[in-house]
N, C-alpha and C. Protein backbone atom coordinates (compact mmCIF):
# COMPACT_ATOMS: atom_id res chain seq x y z
N UNK A 1 106.89 136.48 131.26
CA UNK A 1 107.74 135.60 131.22
C UNK A 1 106.99 133.92 130.82
N UNK A 2 107.54 132.74 130.20
CA UNK A 2 107.02 131.81 129.42
C UNK A 2 107.47 131.21 130.67
N UNK A 3 105.81 130.19 130.43
CA UNK A 3 105.21 129.32 131.65
C UNK A 3 106.67 127.71 131.34
N UNK A 4 107.10 126.94 132.03
CA UNK A 4 107.94 126.10 132.00
C UNK A 4 107.84 124.91 131.52
N UNK A 5 107.66 123.56 130.55
CA UNK A 5 107.06 122.66 130.41
C UNK A 5 107.13 122.39 131.12
N UNK A 6 106.47 120.28 131.91
CA UNK A 6 107.25 119.99 133.15
C UNK A 6 108.03 119.36 132.78
N UNK A 7 108.27 118.52 133.96
CA UNK A 7 109.34 117.90 133.49
C UNK A 7 108.72 116.27 134.24
N UNK A 8 109.53 115.36 133.62
CA UNK A 8 109.14 114.15 134.38
C UNK A 8 110.15 113.41 135.13
N UNK A 9 108.55 112.80 136.40
CA UNK A 9 109.42 112.48 137.82
C UNK A 9 109.34 110.61 137.66
N UNK A 10 110.23 110.47 138.78
CA UNK A 10 110.46 109.16 138.76
C UNK A 10 109.52 108.37 140.08
N UNK A 11 108.71 107.51 140.47
CA UNK A 11 108.02 107.13 140.96
C UNK A 11 108.67 105.66 141.29
N UNK A 12 108.79 105.19 142.55
CA UNK A 12 108.77 104.00 143.17
C UNK A 12 108.27 103.66 143.57
N UNK A 13 107.48 102.13 142.67
CA UNK A 13 106.27 101.69 144.07
C UNK A 13 106.31 100.03 144.74
N UNK A 14 106.01 99.62 145.54
CA UNK A 14 106.47 98.14 146.22
C UNK A 14 104.94 97.45 145.51
N UNK A 15 105.04 95.72 144.84
CA UNK A 15 103.89 94.74 145.30
C UNK A 15 104.86 94.41 146.26
N UNK A 16 103.90 94.73 147.47
CA UNK A 16 104.47 94.20 149.10
C UNK A 16 103.57 92.31 149.13
N UNK A 17 104.19 91.89 149.18
CA UNK A 17 103.77 89.87 149.03
C UNK A 17 103.44 89.40 150.05
N UNK A 18 102.37 88.82 150.80
CA UNK A 18 102.09 87.90 151.67
C UNK A 18 101.32 86.69 151.66
N UNK A 19 101.63 85.55 150.79
CA UNK A 19 100.76 84.71 150.21
C UNK A 19 100.83 84.67 149.03
N UNK A 20 99.65 85.01 148.88
CA UNK A 20 98.22 85.15 147.75
C UNK A 20 98.19 86.19 148.36
N UNK A 21 98.28 87.38 148.88
CA UNK A 21 97.69 89.18 148.95
C UNK A 21 99.08 89.99 148.79
N UNK A 22 98.60 91.36 147.96
CA UNK A 22 99.02 92.42 148.22
C UNK A 22 98.90 93.58 148.79
N UNK A 23 99.73 94.10 149.29
CA UNK A 23 99.21 95.16 150.26
C UNK A 23 98.58 96.39 149.42
N UNK A 24 97.14 97.11 149.28
CA UNK A 24 97.04 98.43 148.77
C UNK A 24 96.56 99.31 149.59
N UNK A 25 96.89 100.33 148.87
CA UNK A 25 96.41 101.24 150.55
C UNK A 25 95.31 102.62 149.64
N UNK A 26 93.99 102.93 149.91
CA UNK A 26 93.17 103.72 148.99
C UNK A 26 93.73 105.44 149.08
N UNK A 27 94.32 106.22 147.01
CA UNK A 27 94.71 106.87 147.33
C UNK A 27 94.13 107.95 147.84
N UNK A 28 94.36 109.40 148.25
CA UNK A 28 93.28 110.69 148.15
C UNK A 28 94.46 111.78 147.93
N UNK A 29 95.35 111.17 147.06
CA UNK A 29 95.84 112.92 146.51
C UNK A 29 95.67 112.33 144.66
N UNK A 30 96.28 113.87 143.77
CA UNK A 30 94.97 114.27 142.58
C UNK A 30 95.28 113.21 141.91
N UNK A 31 96.71 112.91 141.57
CA UNK A 31 96.39 112.11 140.71
C UNK A 31 95.99 110.21 141.46
N UNK A 32 94.82 110.57 140.65
CA UNK A 32 94.04 109.47 141.28
C UNK A 32 93.52 109.24 142.07
N UNK A 33 92.88 109.93 142.91
CA UNK A 33 91.81 110.34 143.86
C UNK A 33 91.18 109.04 144.49
N UNK A 34 91.05 108.48 145.37
CA UNK A 34 89.95 107.42 145.58
C UNK A 34 89.91 105.78 145.09
N UNK A 35 91.42 105.87 144.54
CA UNK A 35 92.14 104.97 143.46
C UNK A 35 92.87 104.10 144.69
N UNK A 36 93.24 102.62 144.60
CA UNK A 36 94.11 101.48 144.78
C UNK A 36 94.92 101.84 144.79
N UNK A 37 96.25 102.33 145.71
CA UNK A 37 97.26 101.76 144.94
C UNK A 37 97.99 101.05 145.61
N UNK A 38 99.54 100.67 145.39
CA UNK A 38 100.65 99.86 145.82
C UNK A 38 101.51 101.10 147.00
N UNK A 39 102.15 100.96 147.79
CA UNK A 39 102.44 101.63 148.59
C UNK A 39 104.05 102.02 148.01
N UNK A 40 104.19 103.85 147.88
CA UNK A 40 105.86 104.28 146.98
C UNK A 40 105.59 105.81 147.08
N UNK A 41 106.44 106.27 146.30
CA UNK A 41 106.63 107.46 145.99
C UNK A 41 107.76 108.25 145.34
N UNK A 42 108.62 109.35 145.84
CA UNK A 42 109.28 109.80 144.23
C UNK A 42 110.93 109.46 145.04
N UNK A 43 111.74 109.09 144.28
CA UNK A 43 113.18 109.14 144.76
C UNK A 43 113.93 109.91 144.43
N UNK A 44 114.29 109.65 145.93
CA UNK A 44 115.35 110.67 146.16
C UNK A 44 116.61 110.98 145.93
N UNK A 45 117.74 112.11 145.56
CA UNK A 45 118.84 112.27 144.74
C UNK A 45 119.34 111.46 145.46
N UNK A 46 120.79 110.91 144.39
CA UNK A 46 121.27 110.32 144.93
C UNK A 46 120.39 108.22 145.01
N UNK A 47 119.92 108.17 145.78
CA UNK A 47 118.64 106.73 146.62
C UNK A 47 119.18 105.53 145.15
N UNK A 48 119.11 104.23 145.79
CA UNK A 48 118.87 103.48 144.60
C UNK A 48 117.41 102.95 144.55
N UNK A 49 117.22 102.42 143.74
CA UNK A 49 115.79 102.07 143.71
C UNK A 49 115.26 100.72 145.30
N UNK A 50 115.96 100.44 145.40
CA UNK A 50 116.35 99.41 146.77
C UNK A 50 115.61 100.00 148.34
N UNK A 51 116.70 101.12 148.20
CA UNK A 51 116.24 102.38 149.21
C UNK A 51 115.33 103.13 149.23
N UNK A 52 114.94 103.56 148.16
CA UNK A 52 113.57 104.23 148.13
C UNK A 52 112.38 103.38 148.85
N UNK A 53 112.57 102.05 147.92
CA UNK A 53 111.42 100.97 148.53
C UNK A 53 111.09 100.82 150.14
N UNK A 54 112.37 100.67 150.63
CA UNK A 54 112.01 100.62 152.21
C UNK A 54 111.54 101.70 152.88
N UNK A 55 112.70 102.67 152.24
CA UNK A 55 111.99 104.10 152.44
C UNK A 55 110.52 104.35 152.42
N UNK A 56 110.88 104.49 151.19
CA UNK A 56 108.42 104.24 151.20
C UNK A 56 108.06 104.11 152.09
N UNK A 57 107.92 102.81 152.14
CA UNK A 57 107.22 101.56 152.58
C UNK A 57 106.91 101.67 154.27
N UNK A 58 108.32 102.63 154.83
CA UNK A 58 108.32 102.66 156.55
C UNK A 58 107.43 103.37 156.92
N UNK A 59 107.84 104.82 155.74
CA UNK A 59 107.05 105.86 156.04
C UNK A 59 105.82 106.01 155.58
N UNK A 60 105.73 105.52 155.03
CA UNK A 60 103.49 105.18 155.25
C UNK A 60 103.06 104.53 155.74
N UNK A 61 103.85 103.02 155.48
CA UNK A 61 103.09 102.26 156.54
C UNK A 61 104.09 101.33 157.66
N UNK A 62 105.11 101.80 158.22
CA UNK A 62 105.29 101.44 159.09
C UNK A 62 106.21 99.84 159.25
N UNK A 63 105.94 99.22 157.87
CA UNK A 63 106.41 98.14 157.84
C UNK A 63 107.73 97.68 157.51
N UNK A 64 108.29 97.05 157.72
CA UNK A 64 110.17 96.70 157.42
C UNK A 64 110.42 95.35 156.16
N UNK A 65 111.05 95.90 155.42
CA UNK A 65 110.34 94.72 153.84
C UNK A 65 111.69 94.22 154.04
N UNK A 66 112.21 93.34 153.12
CA UNK A 66 113.38 92.66 152.65
C UNK A 66 112.73 91.64 151.48
N UNK A 67 113.76 91.30 150.62
CA UNK A 67 113.69 90.49 149.06
C UNK A 67 113.50 91.39 148.15
N UNK A 68 113.93 92.79 148.51
CA UNK A 68 113.86 93.68 147.73
C UNK A 68 114.37 93.66 145.89
N UNK A 69 113.67 93.69 145.37
CA UNK A 69 114.11 93.24 143.73
C UNK A 69 113.11 94.08 142.72
N UNK A 70 113.81 94.91 142.10
CA UNK A 70 113.42 95.61 140.50
C UNK A 70 112.21 95.01 140.06
N UNK A 71 111.20 95.01 139.45
CA UNK A 71 109.97 94.36 138.53
C UNK A 71 110.11 94.16 137.37
N UNK A 72 109.83 95.64 136.97
CA UNK A 72 109.43 96.67 135.24
C UNK A 72 109.22 98.08 135.69
N UNK A 73 109.61 98.50 134.99
CA UNK A 73 109.45 99.59 134.80
C UNK A 73 108.17 100.54 133.34
N UNK A 74 107.05 101.49 133.74
CA UNK A 74 106.29 101.53 133.04
C UNK A 74 106.31 103.10 132.86
N UNK A 75 106.54 104.17 132.62
CA UNK A 75 106.27 105.37 131.38
C UNK A 75 104.41 106.00 131.52
N UNK A 76 104.21 106.29 132.22
CA UNK A 76 102.79 107.42 132.86
C UNK A 76 103.34 108.87 132.13
N UNK A 77 101.62 109.03 131.74
CA UNK A 77 101.83 110.58 131.66
C UNK A 77 100.25 111.22 131.95
N UNK A 78 99.73 111.93 132.98
CA UNK A 78 98.76 111.88 133.71
C UNK A 78 98.23 113.47 132.44
N UNK A 79 97.22 113.72 132.00
CA UNK A 79 97.08 114.98 131.15
C UNK A 79 95.87 115.61 132.31
N UNK A 80 95.04 115.10 133.14
CA UNK A 80 94.85 116.23 133.18
C UNK A 80 95.80 116.84 134.31
N UNK A 81 96.43 116.19 135.37
CA UNK A 81 96.76 117.57 135.65
C UNK A 81 98.35 117.91 134.96
N UNK A 82 98.58 117.82 133.91
CA UNK A 82 99.67 117.81 133.56
C UNK A 82 100.34 117.22 134.80
N UNK A 83 101.23 116.24 134.54
CA UNK A 83 102.24 115.50 134.89
C UNK A 83 102.63 113.88 134.45
N UNK A 84 103.39 113.44 134.57
CA UNK A 84 104.91 112.85 133.47
C UNK A 84 105.30 111.56 134.69
N UNK A 85 105.62 110.51 134.67
CA UNK A 85 106.00 109.65 135.94
C UNK A 85 106.44 108.55 135.49
N UNK A 86 107.99 108.06 135.25
CA UNK A 86 108.39 106.66 135.10
C UNK A 86 107.95 106.31 136.93
N UNK A 87 107.90 105.47 136.75
CA UNK A 87 107.24 103.85 137.63
C UNK A 87 107.82 102.62 137.46
N UNK A 88 109.26 102.95 138.87
CA UNK A 88 109.84 101.72 139.18
C UNK A 88 109.09 100.72 139.84
N UNK A 89 108.63 99.75 139.69
CA UNK A 89 108.07 98.71 139.98
C UNK A 89 109.31 97.95 140.51
N UNK A 90 108.57 97.80 142.63
CA UNK A 90 109.66 96.78 142.52
C UNK A 90 108.72 95.35 143.76
N UNK A 91 108.90 94.23 143.94
CA UNK A 91 108.48 93.13 144.55
C UNK A 91 109.31 93.27 145.75
N UNK A 92 108.63 92.85 147.03
CA UNK A 92 109.29 92.64 148.65
C UNK A 92 108.73 91.61 149.59
N UNK A 93 108.78 91.33 150.66
CA UNK A 93 108.31 90.73 151.40
C UNK A 93 108.60 91.54 153.52
N UNK A 94 107.51 91.45 153.64
CA UNK A 94 107.88 91.44 154.98
C UNK A 94 109.21 91.11 155.85
N UNK A 95 109.62 91.60 156.28
CA UNK A 95 111.37 91.20 157.65
C UNK A 95 110.30 90.05 158.27
N UNK A 96 109.06 90.79 159.36
CA UNK A 96 108.12 90.48 159.89
C UNK A 96 107.03 89.69 159.85
N UNK A 97 106.78 88.74 159.15
CA UNK A 97 105.58 88.68 158.57
C UNK A 97 104.00 88.73 159.78
N UNK A 98 104.59 88.83 160.64
CA UNK A 98 103.24 89.23 161.84
C UNK A 98 102.96 90.90 162.30
N UNK A 99 104.08 91.52 161.27
CA UNK A 99 103.57 92.81 161.43
C UNK A 99 102.81 93.54 160.63
N UNK A 100 101.74 94.56 161.35
CA UNK A 100 100.35 95.22 160.33
C UNK A 100 100.72 96.50 160.08
N UNK A 101 99.99 96.90 158.68
CA UNK A 101 100.26 98.00 158.06
C UNK A 101 99.52 99.12 159.03
N UNK A 102 100.42 100.28 159.36
CA UNK A 102 99.65 101.36 160.49
C UNK A 102 99.26 103.36 159.12
N UNK A 103 98.64 103.21 158.68
CA UNK A 103 98.41 104.69 158.13
C UNK A 103 99.37 105.95 158.35
N UNK A 104 101.01 105.58 158.12
CA UNK A 104 101.33 106.70 158.61
C UNK A 104 101.25 108.37 157.83
N UNK A 105 100.41 108.32 157.21
CA UNK A 105 100.21 109.15 156.46
C UNK A 105 99.04 109.83 155.42
N UNK A 106 98.14 109.71 156.79
CA UNK A 106 96.63 109.93 156.17
C UNK A 106 96.28 110.80 155.34
N UNK A 107 97.34 111.66 155.19
CA UNK A 107 96.33 112.99 154.58
C UNK A 107 97.09 112.45 152.69
N UNK A 108 97.52 111.19 152.34
CA UNK A 108 97.64 111.26 151.08
C UNK A 108 96.80 109.16 151.11
N UNK A 109 96.64 109.61 152.04
CA UNK A 109 96.24 107.53 151.99
C UNK A 109 94.64 107.53 152.77
N UNK A 110 94.27 106.51 153.11
CA UNK A 110 92.71 106.87 153.71
C UNK A 110 93.24 105.18 154.66
N UNK A 111 93.49 104.28 154.24
CA UNK A 111 94.42 103.19 155.18
C UNK A 111 95.16 101.63 153.90
N UNK A 112 95.53 101.23 154.77
CA UNK A 112 95.80 99.67 153.99
C UNK A 112 95.61 99.07 154.13
N UNK A 113 95.18 97.67 153.66
CA UNK A 113 94.74 96.48 153.84
C UNK A 113 95.53 95.11 152.58
N UNK A 114 96.18 94.63 153.00
CA UNK A 114 95.56 92.82 152.24
C UNK A 114 95.04 92.87 151.15
N UNK A 115 94.87 92.54 150.03
CA UNK A 115 94.06 92.12 148.76
C UNK A 115 94.29 90.89 148.60
N UNK A 116 93.79 89.66 148.30
CA UNK A 116 93.91 88.39 147.44
C UNK A 116 94.69 88.69 146.03
N UNK A 117 95.46 88.52 144.99
CA UNK A 117 95.97 88.83 143.79
C UNK A 117 94.58 88.33 142.78
N UNK A 118 93.40 87.60 143.61
CA UNK A 118 92.59 86.97 142.81
C UNK A 118 91.67 87.57 142.98
N UNK A 119 90.97 88.85 143.36
CA UNK A 119 89.57 89.14 144.74
C UNK A 119 90.11 90.89 144.31
N UNK A 120 91.38 91.65 143.99
CA UNK A 120 91.54 92.91 144.96
C UNK A 120 90.05 94.21 144.09
N UNK A 121 90.47 94.93 145.07
CA UNK A 121 89.73 96.32 144.96
C UNK A 121 89.62 96.88 144.12
N UNK A 122 87.97 97.69 143.50
CA UNK A 122 88.60 98.73 142.46
C UNK A 122 87.78 99.88 143.23
N UNK A 123 87.72 101.40 142.40
CA UNK A 123 88.76 101.01 140.49
C UNK A 123 90.69 100.80 141.37
N UNK A 124 91.31 100.50 140.95
CA UNK A 124 92.44 100.34 141.12
C UNK A 124 92.93 101.49 140.03
N UNK A 125 94.44 102.81 140.95
CA UNK A 125 95.13 103.13 140.52
C UNK A 125 95.62 102.49 138.63
N UNK A 126 95.53 103.85 137.80
CA UNK A 126 95.56 103.86 136.56
C UNK A 126 97.28 102.40 136.18
N UNK A 127 98.13 102.92 136.31
CA UNK A 127 98.78 102.56 136.19
C UNK A 127 99.01 100.77 136.62
N UNK A 128 98.39 100.64 137.80
CA UNK A 128 98.44 98.86 138.36
C UNK A 128 97.58 98.33 137.22
N UNK A 129 96.12 99.12 137.25
CA UNK A 129 95.45 98.29 135.89
C UNK A 129 95.55 98.06 135.12
N UNK A 130 96.48 98.67 134.41
CA UNK A 130 96.81 98.76 133.10
C UNK A 130 97.60 96.91 133.16
N UNK A 131 98.81 97.58 134.30
CA UNK A 131 99.77 96.23 133.82
C UNK A 131 99.03 95.01 134.55
N UNK A 132 97.99 95.17 135.46
CA UNK A 132 97.08 93.97 134.98
C UNK A 132 96.47 93.46 134.45
N UNK A 133 95.15 93.86 133.52
CA UNK A 133 95.03 93.83 132.63
C UNK A 133 95.40 93.63 131.49
N UNK A 134 97.06 94.28 132.04
CA UNK A 134 97.84 93.48 130.46
C UNK A 134 98.36 91.76 131.11
N UNK A 135 98.14 91.64 131.79
CA UNK A 135 98.88 89.91 132.86
C UNK A 135 99.90 90.30 133.02
N UNK A 136 100.04 91.08 133.71
CA UNK A 136 101.27 90.91 135.00
C UNK A 136 100.52 90.47 136.15
N UNK A 137 101.97 89.50 136.62
CA UNK A 137 101.37 88.64 138.10
C UNK A 137 102.62 89.37 138.32
N UNK A 138 103.37 89.74 139.96
CA UNK A 138 104.35 89.97 140.48
C UNK A 138 104.83 88.83 141.68
N UNK A 139 103.66 87.81 141.67
CA UNK A 139 104.32 86.86 142.16
C UNK A 139 105.54 85.63 141.45
N UNK A 140 106.35 85.34 142.76
CA UNK A 140 107.46 84.98 141.69
C UNK A 140 107.05 83.84 141.25
N UNK A 141 107.48 83.24 139.97
CA UNK A 141 107.20 81.92 139.76
C UNK A 141 107.88 80.64 139.56
N UNK A 142 107.71 79.74 140.24
CA UNK A 142 108.85 78.48 141.00
C UNK A 142 109.64 77.84 138.92
N UNK A 143 110.93 77.72 139.30
CA UNK A 143 111.27 77.18 137.89
C UNK A 143 111.41 75.57 137.90
């Protein structure tokens, strides 16, 4: 029997902003183990990007988000484990700025914290690191 080729999957991740900080957690999954990444996960059938962003942030951190908007999309191939992800990057803010993140999926993340944009932890998850090194900034610019 012939082995099927890997199929690209769609992930939605969220730049959750608070002042000049962004929420990051240290990954425990095979892709990017021990790197810092944004909250997010797989897009489910029939789900909008905004719905997925709100659901994933709530499932992973317990946080309720608002002002969810599309930022960009990246195409990411991970040859070491034969996976391919199209990643939708969203931006959002907390509905209640005093709400604190909880680690609701300890098997996937070692914990969440806020990091100042000009002082991000290392190592960053590869797709995030490439964006930042390319000059991407998730913070809105005033006109």
